[in-house]
PDB file of N, CA and C in Angstrom:
ATOM      1  N   MET A   1     -40.196-189.774   2.367  1.00  0.00           N
ATOM      2  CA  MET A   1     -40.666-188.876   3.301  1.00  0.00           C
ATOM      3  C   MET A   1     -40.067-187.431   3.252  1.00  0.00           C
ATOM      4  N   ALA A   2     -38.867-187.301   2.730  1.00  0.00           N
ATOM      5  CA  ALA A   2     -38.271-185.881   2.626  1.00  0.00           C
ATOM      6  C   ALA A   2     -39.138-185.056   1.597  1.00  0.00           C
ATOM      7  N   GLN A   3     -39.663-185.790   0.677  1.00  0.00           N
ATOM      8  CA  GLN A   3     -40.362-185.039  -0.420  1.00  0.00           C
ATOM      9  C   GLN A   3     -41.610-184.526   0.103  1.00  0.00           C
ATOM     10  N   GLU A   4     -42.232-185.064   1.136  1.00  0.00           N
ATOM     11  CA  GLU A   4     -43.585-184.462   1.556  1.00  0.00           C
ATOM     12  C   GLU A   4     -43.450-183.560   2.763  1.00  0.00           C
ATOM     13  N   GLN A   5     -42.231-183.033   2.987  1.00  0.00           N
ATOM     14  CA  GLN A   5     -42.000-182.109   4.155  1.00  0.00           C
ATOM     15  C   GLN A   5     -42.770-180.715   3.769  1.00  0.00           C
ATOM     16  N   ASP A   6     -42.810-180.450   2.511  1.00  0.00           N
ATOM     17  CA  ASP A   6     -43.481-179.285   1.964  1.00  0.00           C
ATOM     18  C   ASP A   6     -44.948-179.232   2.330  1.00  0.00           C
ATOM     19  N   ALA A   7     -45.617-180.305   2.192  1.00  0.00           N
ATOM     20  CA  ALA A   7     -47.157-180.551   2.303  1.00  0.00           C
ATOM     21  C   ALA A   7     -47.254-180.538   3.938  1.00  0.00           C
ATOM     22  N   GLN A   8     -46.404-181.166   4.610  1.00  0.00           N
ATOM     23  CA  GLN A   8     -46.507-181.234   6.110  1.00  0.00           C
ATOM     24  C   GLN A   8     -46.257-179.930   6.742  1.00  0.00           C
ATOM     25  N   PHE A   9     -45.397-179.149   6.162  1.00  0.00           N
ATOM     26  CA  PHE A   9     -45.062-177.851   6.621  1.00  0.00           C
ATOM     27  C   PHE A   9     -46.282-177.022   6.425  1.00  0.00           C
ATOM     28  N   VAL A  10     -46.961-176.876   5.229  1.00  0.00           N
ATOM     29  CA  VAL A  10     -48.057-176.005   4.981  1.00  0.00           C
ATOM     30  C   VAL A  10     -49.224-176.455   5.984  1.00  0.00           C
ATOM     31  N   GLU A  11     -49.464-177.637   5.986  1.00  0.00           N
ATOM     32  CA  GLU A  11     -50.624-178.218   6.908  1.00  0.00           C
ATOM     33  C   GLU A  11     -50.522-177.851   8.327  1.00  0.00           C
ATOM     34  N   ALA A  12     -49.155-177.796   8.787  1.00  0.00           N
ATOM     35  CA  ALA A  12     -48.881-177.381  10.256  1.00  0.00           C
ATOM     36  C   ALA A  12     -49.163-175.922  10.394  1.00  0.00           C
ATOM     37  N   ILE A  13     -48.675-175.153   9.516  1.00  0.00           N
ATOM     38  CA  ILE A  13     -48.939-173.743   9.610  1.00  0.00           C
ATOM     39  C   ILE A  13     -50.356-173.455   9.738  1.00  0.00           C
ATOM     40  N   VAL A  14     -51.064-173.958   8.607  1.00  0.00           N
ATOM     41  CA  VAL A  14     -52.601-173.695   8.278  1.00  0.00           C
ATOM     42  C   VAL A  14     -53.382-174.057   9.584  1.00  0.00           C
ATOM     43  N   LYS A  15     -52.990-175.237  10.091  1.00  0.00           N
ATOM     44  CA  LYS A  15     -53.757-175.674  11.191  1.00  0.00           C
ATOM     45  C   LYS A  15     -53.723-174.836  12.447  1.00  0.00           C
ATOM     46  N   GLU A  16     -52.677-174.136  12.569  1.00  0.00           N
ATOM     47  CA  GLU A  16     -52.453-173.004  13.733  1.00  0.00           C
ATOM     48  C   GLU A  16     -53.174-171.898  13.459  1.00  0.00           C
ATOM     49  N   ILE A  17     -53.576-171.584  12.200  1.00  0.00           N
ATOM     50  CA  ILE A  17     -54.234-170.263  11.812  1.00  0.00           C
ATOM     51  C   ILE A  17     -55.769-170.378  12.034  1.00  0.00           C
ATOM     52  N   VAL A  18     -56.261-171.502  11.584  1.00  0.00           N
ATOM     53  CA  VAL A  18     -57.736-171.649  11.276  1.00  0.00           C
ATOM     54  C   VAL A  18     -58.506-172.190  12.508  1.00  0.00           C
ATOM     55  N   ALA A  19     -59.809-171.848  12.467  1.00  0.00           N
ATOM     56  CA  ALA A  19     -60.621-172.272  13.707  1.00  0.00           C
ATOM     57  C   ALA A  19     -60.830-173.698  13.606  1.00  0.00           C
ATOM     58  N   ASN A  20     -60.972-174.502  12.439  1.00  0.00           N
ATOM     59  CA  ASN A  20     -61.261-175.829  12.309  1.00  0.00           C
ATOM     60  C   ASN A  20     -60.084-176.641  11.802  1.00  0.00           C
ATOM     61  N   PRO A  21     -58.996-176.843  12.604  1.00  0.00           N
ATOM     62  CA  PRO A  21     -57.796-177.498  12.035  1.00  0.00           C
ATOM     63  C   PRO A  21     -58.209-178.957  11.542  1.00  0.00           C
ATOM     64  N   GLY A  22     -59.341-179.573  11.945  1.00  0.00           N
ATOM     65  CA  GLY A  22     -59.473-180.794  11.403  1.00  0.00           C
ATOM     66  C   GLY A  22     -59.916-180.915   9.892  1.00  0.00           C
ATOM     67  N   ASP A  23     -60.434-179.800   9.446  1.00  0.00           N
ATOM     68  CA  ASP A  23     -60.758-179.788   8.081  1.00  0.00           C
ATOM     69  C   ASP A  23     -59.677-179.270   6.956  1.00  0.00           C
ATOM     70  N   VAL A  24     -58.489-179.099   7.633  1.00  0.00           N
ATOM     71  CA  VAL A  24     -57.332-178.793   6.743  1.00  0.00           C
ATOM     72  C   VAL A  24     -56.751-180.039   6.034  1.00  0.00           C
ATOM     73  N   LYS A  25     -56.691-179.748   4.671  1.00  0.00           N
ATOM     74  CA  LYS A  25     -56.293-180.851   3.749  1.00  0.00           C
ATOM     75  C   LYS A  25     -55.166-180.397   2.778  1.00  0.00           C
ATOM     76  N   VAL A  26     -54.190-180.877   2.665  1.00  0.00           N
ATOM     77  CA  VAL A  26     -53.116-180.628   1.633  1.00  0.00           C
ATOM     78  C   VAL A  26     -52.880-181.750   0.630  1.00  0.00           C
ATOM     79  N   ASP A  27     -53.129-181.498  -0.619  1.00  0.00           N
ATOM     80  CA  ASP A  27     -52.850-182.663  -1.674  1.00  0.00           C
ATOM     81  C   ASP A  27     -51.526-182.162  -2.349  1.00  0.00           C
ATOM     82  N   ARG A  28     -50.714-183.080  -2.626  1.00  0.00           N
ATOM     83  CA  ARG A  28     -49.460-182.918  -3.283  1.00  0.00           C
ATOM     84  C   ARG A  28     -49.442-183.533  -4.653  1.00  0.00           C
ATOM     85  N   THR A  29     -48.985-182.691  -5.509  1.00  0.00           N
ATOM     86  CA  THR A  29     -49.012-183.415  -7.040  1.00  0.00           C
ATOM     87  C   THR A  29     -47.723-182.876  -7.531  1.00  0.00           C
ATOM     88  N   VAL A  30     -47.024-183.772  -8.377  1.00  0.00           N
ATOM     89  CA  VAL A  30     -45.820-183.576  -8.827  1.00  0.00           C
ATOM     90  C   VAL A  30     -45.975-183.890 -10.442  1.00  0.00           C
ATOM     91  N   ASP A  31     -45.563-182.883 -11.127  1.00  0.00           N
ATOM     92  CA  ASP A  31     -45.518-182.900 -12.630  1.00  0.00           C
ATOM     93  C   ASP A  31     -44.247-182.319 -13.146  1.00  0.00           C
ATOM     94  N   GLU A  32     -44.196-181.981 -14.524  1.00  0.00           N
ATOM     95  CA  GLU A  32     -43.014-181.565 -15.107  1.00  0.00           C
ATOM     96  C   GLU A  32     -42.586-180.153 -14.767  1.00  0.00           C
ATOM     97  N   ARG A  33     -43.638-179.389 -14.272  1.00  0.00           N
ATOM     98  CA  ARG A  33     -43.475-177.993 -13.892  1.00  0.00           C
ATOM     99  C   ARG A  33     -43.081-177.936 -12.341  1.00  0.00           C
ATOM    100  N   GLY A  34     -43.144-178.995 -11.485  1.00  0.00           N
ATOM    101  CA  GLY A  34     -42.760-178.904 -10.322  1.00  0.00           C
ATOM    102  C   GLY A  34     -43.817-179.501  -9.431  1.00  0.00           C
ATOM    103  N   VAL A  35     -43.752-179.144  -8.080  1.00  0.00           N
ATOM    104  CA  VAL A  35     -44.769-179.601  -7.128  1.00  0.00           C
ATOM    105  C   VAL A  35     -45.911-178.647  -6.963  1.00  0.00           C
ATOM    106  N   LEU A  36     -47.025-179.045  -6.843  1.00  0.00           N
ATOM    107  CA  LEU A  36     -48.281-178.291  -6.644  1.00  0.00           C
ATOM    108  C   LEU A  36     -48.888-178.783  -5.456  1.00  0.00           C
ATOM    109  N   LEU A  37     -48.969-177.850  -4.306  1.00  0.00           N
ATOM    110  CA  LEU A  37     -49.737-178.243  -3.216  1.00  0.00           C
ATOM    111  C   LEU A  37     -51.086-177.557  -3.205  1.00  0.00           C
ATOM    112  N   THR A  38     -52.183-178.205  -3.023  1.00  0.00           N
ATOM    113  CA  THR A  38     -53.360-177.771  -3.126  1.00  0.00           C
ATOM    114  C   THR A  38     -54.186-177.756  -1.718  1.00  0.00           C
ATOM    115  N   LEU A  39     -54.357-176.627  -1.155  1.00  0.00           N
ATOM    116  CA  LEU A  39     -54.813-176.447   0.191  1.00  0.00           C
ATOM    117  C   LEU A  39     -56.452-176.328   0.175  1.00  0.00           C
ATOM    118  N   THR A  40     -56.998-177.110   1.061  1.00  0.00           N
ATOM    119  CA  THR A  40     -58.475-177.049   1.230  1.00  0.00           C
ATOM    120  C   THR A  40     -58.747-176.818   2.575  1.00  0.00           C
ATOM    121  N   VAL A  41     -59.593-175.940   2.934  1.00  0.00           N
ATOM    122  CA  VAL A  41     -59.862-175.573   4.301  1.00  0.00           C
ATOM    123  C   VAL A  41     -61.489-175.419   4.420  1.00  0.00           C
ATOM    124  N   ASN A  42     -61.871-175.450   5.766  1.00  0.00           N
ATOM    125  CA  ASN A  42     -63.248-175.238   5.901  1.00  0.00           C
ATOM    126  C   ASN A  42     -63.870-173.813   5.185  1.00  0.00           C
ATOM    127  N   PRO A  43     -64.936-173.894   4.730  1.00  0.00           N
ATOM    128  CA  PRO A  43     -65.426-172.387   4.019  1.00  0.00           C
ATOM    129  C   PRO A  43     -65.364-171.304   5.109  1.00  0.00           C
ATOM    130  N   SER A  44     -65.601-171.392   6.377  1.00  0.00           N
ATOM    131  CA  SER A  44     -65.395-170.423   7.282  1.00  0.00           C
ATOM    132  C   SER A  44     -64.239-169.740   7.601  1.00  0.00           C
ATOM    133  N   ASP A  45     -63.148-170.705   7.254  1.00  0.00           N
ATOM    134  CA  ASP A  45     -61.831-170.446   7.504  1.00  0.00           C
ATOM    135  C   ASP A  45     -60.970-169.747   6.437  1.00  0.00           C
ATOM    136  N   ILE A  46     -61.651-169.673   5.279  1.00  0.00           N
ATOM    137  CA  ILE A  46     -60.847-169.047   4.091  1.00  0.00           C
ATOM    138  C   ILE A  46     -60.281-167.834   4.352  1.00  0.00           C
ATOM    139  N   GLY A  47     -60.971-166.809   5.087  1.00  0.00           N
ATOM    140  CA  GLY A  47     -60.600-165.561   5.469  1.00  0.00           C
ATOM    141  C   GLY A  47     -59.308-165.604   6.220  1.00  0.00           C
ATOM    142  N   TYR A  48     -59.145-166.519   7.113  1.00  0.00           N
ATOM    143  CA  TYR A  48     -57.872-166.577   8.055  1.00  0.00           C
ATOM    144  C   TYR A  48     -56.764-166.863   7.077  1.00  0.00           C
ATOM    145  N   VAL A  49     -56.965-167.824   6.161  1.00  0.00           N
ATOM    146  CA  VAL A  49     -55.908-168.255   5.301  1.00  0.00           C
ATOM    147  C   VAL A  49     -55.402-167.269   4.320  1.00  0.00           C
ATOM    148  N   ILE A  50     -56.427-166.567   3.695  1.00  0.00           N
ATOM    149  CA  ILE A  50     -56.214-165.441   2.829  1.00  0.00           C
ATOM    150  C   ILE A  50     -55.348-164.130   3.442  1.00  0.00           C
ATOM    151  N   GLY A  51     -56.061-163.862   4.572  1.00  0.00           N
ATOM    152  CA  GLY A  51     -55.589-162.702   5.360  1.00  0.00           C
ATOM    153  C   GLY A  51     -55.860-161.327   4.836  1.00  0.00           C
ATOM    154  N   LYS A  52     -55.778-160.206   5.449  1.00  0.00           N
ATOM    155  CA  LYS A  52     -55.881-158.881   4.885  1.00  0.00           C
ATOM    156  C   LYS A  52     -55.154-158.718   3.822  1.00  0.00           C
ATOM    157  N   GLN A  53     -55.742-158.312   2.703  1.00  0.00           N
ATOM    158  CA  GLN A  53     -55.319-157.893   1.322  1.00  0.00           C
ATOM    159  C   GLN A  53     -54.347-159.164   0.776  1.00  0.00           C
ATOM    160  N   GLY A  54     -54.550-160.458   1.189  1.00  0.00           N
ATOM    161  CA  GLY A  54     -53.751-161.502   0.808  1.00  0.00           C
ATOM    162  C   GLY A  54     -52.436-161.724   1.376  1.00  0.00           C
ATOM    163  N   GLN A  55     -52.238-160.909   2.568  1.00  0.00           N
ATOM    164  CA  GLN A  55     -50.930-161.012   3.004  1.00  0.00           C
ATOM    165  C   GLN A  55     -50.425-162.401   3.742  1.00  0.00           C
ATOM    166  N   THR A  56     -51.449-162.997   4.392  1.00  0.00           N
ATOM    167  CA  THR A  56     -51.200-164.341   5.057  1.00  0.00           C
ATOM    168  C   THR A  56     -51.028-165.444   3.918  1.00  0.00           C
ATOM    169  N   ALA A  57     -51.781-165.302   2.882  1.00  0.00           N
ATOM    170  CA  ALA A  57     -51.577-166.334   1.832  1.00  0.00           C
ATOM    171  C   ALA A  57     -50.197-166.023   1.113  1.00  0.00           C
ATOM    172  N   ARG A  58     -49.722-164.719   1.030  1.00  0.00           N
ATOM    173  CA  ARG A  58     -48.425-164.457   0.292  1.00  0.00           C
ATOM    174  C   ARG A  58     -47.430-165.068   1.186  1.00  0.00           C
ATOM    175  N   ALA A  59     -47.545-164.901   2.441  1.00  0.00           N
ATOM    176  CA  ALA A  59     -46.579-165.252   3.462  1.00  0.00           C
ATOM    177  C   ALA A  59     -46.299-166.843   3.453  1.00  0.00           C
ATOM    178  N   ILE A  60     -47.410-167.471   3.409  1.00  0.00           N
ATOM    179  CA  ILE A  60     -47.430-168.998   3.401  1.00  0.00           C
ATOM    180  C   ILE A  60     -46.785-169.317   1.994  1.00  0.00           C
ATOM    181  N   ARG A  61     -47.093-168.766   1.079  1.00  0.00           N
ATOM    182  CA  ARG A  61     -46.468-169.032  -0.453  1.00  0.00           C
ATOM    183  C   ARG A  61     -45.024-168.885  -0.331  1.00  0.00           C
ATOM    184  N   THR A  62     -44.638-167.669   0.252  1.00  0.00           N
ATOM    185  CA  THR A  62     -43.084-167.513   0.307  1.00  0.00           C
ATOM    186  C   THR A  62     -42.385-168.455   1.083  1.00  0.00           C
ATOM    187  N   LEU A  63     -42.983-168.890   2.257  1.00  0.00           N
ATOM    188  CA  LEU A  63     -42.282-169.863   3.092  1.00  0.00           C
ATOM    189  C   LEU A  63     -42.115-171.214   2.358  1.00  0.00           C
ATOM    190  N   THR A  64     -43.363-171.510   1.662  1.00  0.00           N
ATOM    191  CA  THR A  64     -43.310-172.881   0.851  1.00  0.00           C
ATOM    192  C   THR A  64     -42.345-172.928  -0.181  1.00  0.00           C
ATOM    193  N   LYS A  65     -42.173-171.739  -0.927  1.00  0.00           N
ATOM    194  CA  LYS A  65     -41.239-171.773  -1.984  1.00  0.00           C
ATOM    195  C   LYS A  65     -39.767-171.880  -1.303  1.00  0.00           C
ATOM    196  N   ILE A  66     -39.575-171.277  -0.214  1.00  0.00           N
ATOM    197  CA  ILE A  66     -38.219-171.520   0.431  1.00  0.00           C
ATOM    198  C   ILE A  66     -37.992-173.042   0.850  1.00  0.00           C
ATOM    199  N   ILE A  67     -39.016-173.611   1.413  1.00  0.00           N
ATOM    200  CA  ILE A  67     -38.824-174.991   1.725  1.00  0.00           C
ATOM    201  C   ILE A  67     -38.548-175.797   0.448  1.00  0.00           C
ATOM    202  N   GLY A  68     -39.228-175.576  -0.673  1.00  0.00           N
ATOM    203  CA  GLY A  68     -38.920-176.271  -1.934  1.00  0.00           C
ATOM    204  C   GLY A  68     -37.627-175.848  -2.480  1.00  0.00           C
ATOM    205  N   ALA A  69     -37.032-174.709  -2.313  1.00  0.00           N
ATOM    206  CA  ALA A  69     -35.726-174.350  -2.791  1.00  0.00           C
ATOM    207  C   ALA A  69     -34.788-175.131  -2.019  1.00  0.00           C
ATOM    208  N   LYS A  70     -35.025-175.196  -0.770  1.00  0.00           N
ATOM    209  CA  LYS A  70     -34.135-176.129   0.201  1.00  0.00           C
ATOM    210  C   LYS A  70     -34.002-177.516  -0.208  1.00  0.00           C
ATOM    211  N   ASN A  71     -35.162-178.056  -1.021  1.00  0.00           N
ATOM    212  CA  ASN A  71     -35.113-179.492  -1.449  1.00  0.00           C
ATOM    213  C   ASN A  71     -34.886-179.453  -2.949  1.00  0.00           C
ATOM    214  N   ASN A  72     -34.468-178.484  -3.599  1.00  0.00           N
ATOM    215  CA  ASN A  72     -34.238-178.438  -4.913  1.00  0.00           C
ATOM    216  C   ASN A  72     -35.520-178.667  -5.782  1.00  0.00           C
ATOM    217  N   ALA A  73     -36.603-178.233  -5.364  1.00  0.00           N
ATOM    218  CA  ALA A  73     -37.878-178.372  -5.975  1.00  0.00           C
ATOM    219  C   ALA A  73     -38.533-177.081  -6.200  1.00  0.00           C
ATOM    220  N   ARG A  74     -39.367-176.890  -7.240  1.00  0.00           N
ATOM    221  CA  ARG A  74     -40.106-175.623  -7.555  1.00  0.00           C
ATOM    222  C   ARG A  74     -41.594-176.037  -6.845  1.00  0.00           C
ATOM    223  N   VAL A  75     -41.950-175.267  -5.918  1.00  0.00           N
ATOM    224  CA  VAL A  75     -43.168-175.689  -5.136  1.00  0.00           C
ATOM    225  C   VAL A  75     -44.216-174.456  -5.437  1.00  0.00           C
ATOM    226  N   ASN A  76     -45.320-174.699  -5.616  1.00  0.00           N
ATOM    227  CA  ASN A  76     -46.501-173.521  -5.788  1.00  0.00           C
ATOM    228  C   ASN A  76     -47.550-174.096  -4.850  1.00  0.00           C
ATOM    229  N   LEU A  77     -48.360-173.201  -4.372  1.00  0.00           N
ATOM    230  CA  LEU A  77     -49.415-173.471  -3.430  1.00  0.00           C
ATOM    231  C   LEU A  77     -50.632-172.845  -4.076  1.00  0.00           C
ATOM    232  N   LYS A  78     -51.700-173.634  -4.265  1.00  0.00           N
ATOM    233  CA  LYS A  78     -52.988-173.361  -4.721  1.00  0.00           C
ATOM    234  C   LYS A  78     -53.916-173.361  -3.599  1.00  0.00           C
ATOM    235  N   ILE A  79     -54.826-172.335  -3.321  1.00  0.00           N
ATOM    236  CA  ILE A  79     -55.647-172.350  -2.307  1.00  0.00           C
ATOM    237  C   ILE A  79     -57.107-172.423  -2.794  1.00  0.00           C
ATOM    238  N   ASN A  80     -57.707-173.522  -2.516  1.00  0.00           N
ATOM    239  CA  ASN A  80     -59.031-173.846  -3.089  1.00  0.00           C
ATOM    240  C   ASN A  80     -60.009-172.856  -2.337  1.00  0.00           C
ATOM    241  N   GLU A  81     -60.753-172.170  -3.002  1.00  0.00           N
ATOM    242  CA  GLU A  81     -61.904-171.473  -2.481  1.00  0.00           C
ATOM    243  C   GLU A  81     -63.197-172.174  -2.341  1.00  0.00           C
ATOM    244  N   PRO A  82     -63.553-172.779  -1.275  1.00  0.00           N
ATOM    245  CA  PRO A  82     -64.644-173.629  -1.392  1.00  0.00           C
ATOM    246  C   PRO A  82     -66.051-172.785  -1.579  1.00  0.00           C
ATOM    247  N   GLU A  83     -66.929-173.412  -1.999  1.00  0.00           N
ATOM    248  CA  GLU A  83     -68.318-172.878  -2.264  1.00  0.00           C
ATOM    249  C   GLU A  83     -68.743-172.613  -0.886  1.00  0.00           C
ATOM    250  N   GLY A  84     -69.540-171.534  -0.483  1.00  0.00           N
ATOM    251  CA  GLY A  84     -70.069-171.027   0.721  1.00  0.00           C
ATOM    252  C   GLY A  84     -69.024-170.432   1.485  1.00  0.00           C
ATOM    253  N   SER A  85     -67.810-170.053   0.866  1.00  0.00           N
ATOM    254  CA  SER A  85     -66.777-169.325   1.757  1.00  0.00           C
ATOM    255  C   SER A  85     -67.345-167.961   2.143  1.00  0.00           C
ATOM    256  N   GLU A  86     -66.862-167.477   3.252  1.00  0.00           N
ATOM    257  CA  GLU A  86     -67.337-166.287   3.819  1.00  0.00           C
ATOM    258  C   GLU A  86     -66.312-165.121   3.394  1.00  0.00           C
ATOM    259  N   ARG A  87     -66.064-164.966   2.218  1.00  0.00           N
ATOM    260  CA  ARG A  87     -65.257-163.948   1.808  1.00  0.00           C
ATOM    261  C   ARG A  87     -66.064-162.693   1.602  1.00  0.00           C
ATOM    262  N   ARG A  88     -65.626-161.503   2.109  1.00  0.00           N
ATOM    263  CA  ARG A  88     -66.355-160.272   2.193  1.00  0.00           C
ATOM    264  C   ARG A  88     -65.980-159.571   0.849  1.00  0.00           C
ATOM    265  N   PRO A  89     -66.923-158.790   0.230  1.00  0.00           N
ATOM    266  CA  PRO A  89     -66.569-157.867  -0.810  1.00  0.00           C
ATOM    267  C   PRO A  89     -65.495-156.838  -0.304  1.00  0.00           C
ATOM    268  N   ARG A  90     -64.660-156.349  -1.337  1.00  0.00           N
ATOM    269  CA  ARG A  90     -63.802-155.314  -1.049  1.00  0.00           C
ATOM    270  C   ARG A  90     -64.306-154.025  -0.573  1.00  0.00           C
ATOM    271  N   ARG A  91     -63.756-153.279   0.371  1.00  0.00           N
ATOM    272  CA  ARG A  91     -64.200-152.238   0.923  1.00  0.00           C
ATOM    273  C   ARG A  91     -63.847-150.888  -0.077  1.00  0.00           C
ATOM    274  N   ASP A  92     -62.719-151.080  -0.760  1.00  0.00           N
ATOM    275  CA  ASP A  92     -62.278-150.102  -1.781  1.00  0.00           C
ATOM    276  C   ASP A  92     -63.068-150.257  -3.033  1.00  0.00           C
ATOM    277  N   ASP A  93     -63.937-149.255  -3.376  1.00  0.00           N
ATOM    278  CA  ASP A  93     -64.798-149.388  -4.569  1.00  0.00           C
ATOM    279  C   ASP A  93     -64.036-149.230  -5.823  1.00  0.00           C
ATOM    280  N   SER A  94     -62.837-148.558  -5.785  1.00  0.00           N
ATOM    281  CA  SER A  94     -61.972-148.283  -7.070  1.00  0.00           C
ATOM    282  C   SER A  94     -61.579-149.564  -7.930  1.00  0.00           C
ATOM    283  N   HIS A  95     -61.707-150.774  -7.254  1.00  0.00           N
ATOM    284  CA  HIS A  95     -61.181-152.013  -7.868  1.00  0.00           C
ATOM    285  C   HIS A  95     -62.578-152.696  -8.307  1.00  0.00           C
ATOM    286  N   SER A  96     -63.584-152.446  -7.968  1.00  0.00           N
ATOM    287  CA  SER A  96     -64.884-153.122  -8.277  1.00  0.00           C
ATOM    288  C   SER A  96     -65.598-152.465  -9.479  1.00  0.00           C
ATOM    289  N   HIS A  97     -65.186-151.410  -9.944  1.00  0.00           N
ATOM    290  CA  HIS A  97     -65.912-150.874 -11.196  1.00  0.00           C
ATOM    291  C   HIS A  97     -65.324-151.428 -12.479  1.00  0.00           C
ATOM    292  N   SER A  98     -66.273-151.671 -13.292  1.00  0.00           N
ATOM    293  CA  SER A  98     -65.833-152.218 -14.619  1.00  0.00           C
ATOM    294  C   SER A  98     -65.082-151.319 -15.457  1.00  0.00           C
ATOM    295  N   PRO A  99     -64.279-151.542 -16.364  1.00  0.00           N
ATOM    296  CA  PRO A  99     -63.567-150.599 -17.199  1.00  0.00           C
ATOM    297  C   PRO A  99     -64.389-149.625 -17.795  1.00  0.00           C
ATOM    298  N   GLU A 100     -65.571-149.940 -18.229  1.00  0.00           N
ATOM    299  CA  GLU A 100     -66.541-149.080 -18.917  1.00  0.00           C
ATOM    300  C   GLU A 100     -66.973-147.982 -17.954  1.00  0.00           C
ATOM    301  N   GLN A 101     -67.097-148.315 -16.649  1.00  0.00           N
ATOM    302  CA  GLN A 101     -67.638-147.374 -15.721  1.00  0.00           C
ATOM    303  C   GLN A 101     -66.648-146.308 -15.335  1.00  0.00           C
ATOM    304  N   SER A 102     -65.366-146.776 -15.172  1.00  0.00           N
ATOM    305  CA  SER A 102     -64.220-145.899 -14.939  1.00  0.00           C
ATOM    306  C   SER A 102     -63.983-144.959 -16.225  1.00  0.00           C
ATOM    307  N   MET A 103     -64.094-145.526 -17.451  1.00  0.00           N
ATOM    308  CA  MET A 103     -63.790-144.794 -18.445  1.00  0.00           C
ATOM    309  C   MET A 103     -64.934-143.629 -18.582  1.00  0.00           C
ATOM    310  N   ASP A 104     -66.087-143.883 -18.333  1.00  0.00           N
ATOM    311  CA  ASP A 104     -67.299-142.721 -18.360  1.00  0.00           C
ATOM    312  C   ASP A 104     -66.895-141.784 -17.388  1.00  0.00           C
ATOM    313  N   THR A 105     -66.376-142.050 -16.131  1.00  0.00           N
ATOM    314  CA  THR A 105     -66.128-140.955 -15.184  1.00  0.00           C
ATOM    315  C   THR A 105     -64.985-140.230 -15.596  1.00  0.00           C
ATOM    316  N   ASP A 106     -64.013-140.721 -16.298  1.00  0.00           N
ATOM    317  CA  ASP A 106     -62.901-139.973 -16.718  1.00  0.00           C
ATOM    318  C   ASP A 106     -63.204-139.159 -17.863  1.00  0.00           C
ATOM    319  N   VAL A 107     -64.071-139.350 -18.770  1.00  0.00           N
ATOM    320  CA  VAL A 107     -64.630-138.668 -19.827  1.00  0.00           C
ATOM    321  C   VAL A 107     -65.437-137.528 -19.335  1.00  0.00           C
ATOM    322  N   VAL A 108     -66.311-137.741 -18.398  1.00  0.00           N
ATOM    323  CA  VAL A 108     -67.307-136.638 -17.808  1.00  0.00           C
ATOM    324  C   VAL A 108     -66.266-135.747 -16.910  1.00  0.00           C
ATOM    325  N   GLY A 109     -65.299-136.061 -16.391  1.00  0.00           N
ATOM    326  CA  GLY A 109     -64.287-135.232 -15.583  1.00  0.00           C
ATOM    327  C   GLY A 109     -63.540-134.478 -16.671  1.00  0.00           C
ATOM    328  N   ASP A 110     -63.304-134.878 -17.834  1.00  0.00           N
ATOM    329  CA  ASP A 110     -62.640-133.974 -18.817  1.00  0.00           C
ATOM    330  C   ASP A 110     -63.370-132.969 -19.541  1.00  0.00           C
ATOM    331  N   LEU A 111     -64.754-132.986 -19.527  1.00  0.00           N
ATOM    332  CA  LEU A 111     -65.698-132.147 -20.048  1.00  0.00           C
ATOM    333  C   LEU A 111     -65.382-130.789 -19.414  1.00  0.00           C
ATOM    334  N   GLU A 112     -65.326-129.655 -20.272  1.00  0.00           N
ATOM    335  CA  GLU A 112     -65.454-128.202 -19.719  1.00  0.00           C
ATOM    336  C   GLU A 112     -66.846-127.723 -20.018  1.00  0.00           C
ATOM    337  N   ILE A 113     -67.291-127.143 -18.862  1.00  0.00           N
ATOM    338  CA  ILE A 113     -68.650-126.386 -18.893  1.00  0.00           C
ATOM    339  C   ILE A 113     -68.584-125.107 -18.848  1.00  0.00           C
TER     340      ILE A 113
END
């Protein structure tokens, strides 16, 4: 029971964040690298779990690692992005350009006319 506290902890936190708490599922796998918690949520709730710029997911992962450290275990959290999730494209276009596109604009900016 003590070993499953990390999965129960993540499940309890995520159920409070999402709109469909009944769809929250945490699978716990143990291997030579430590504990892997795999979180699955309703596709419409993925944005709540990820948060703005990933801040919510980062916070949940940090808390999960603290719980793991308390139990002398290395715990990682994987968030499954279900098909049909409603993740919106980034607003900042600077990250969406391919390397070739940004290279072209740099070269054009360097030309002297």
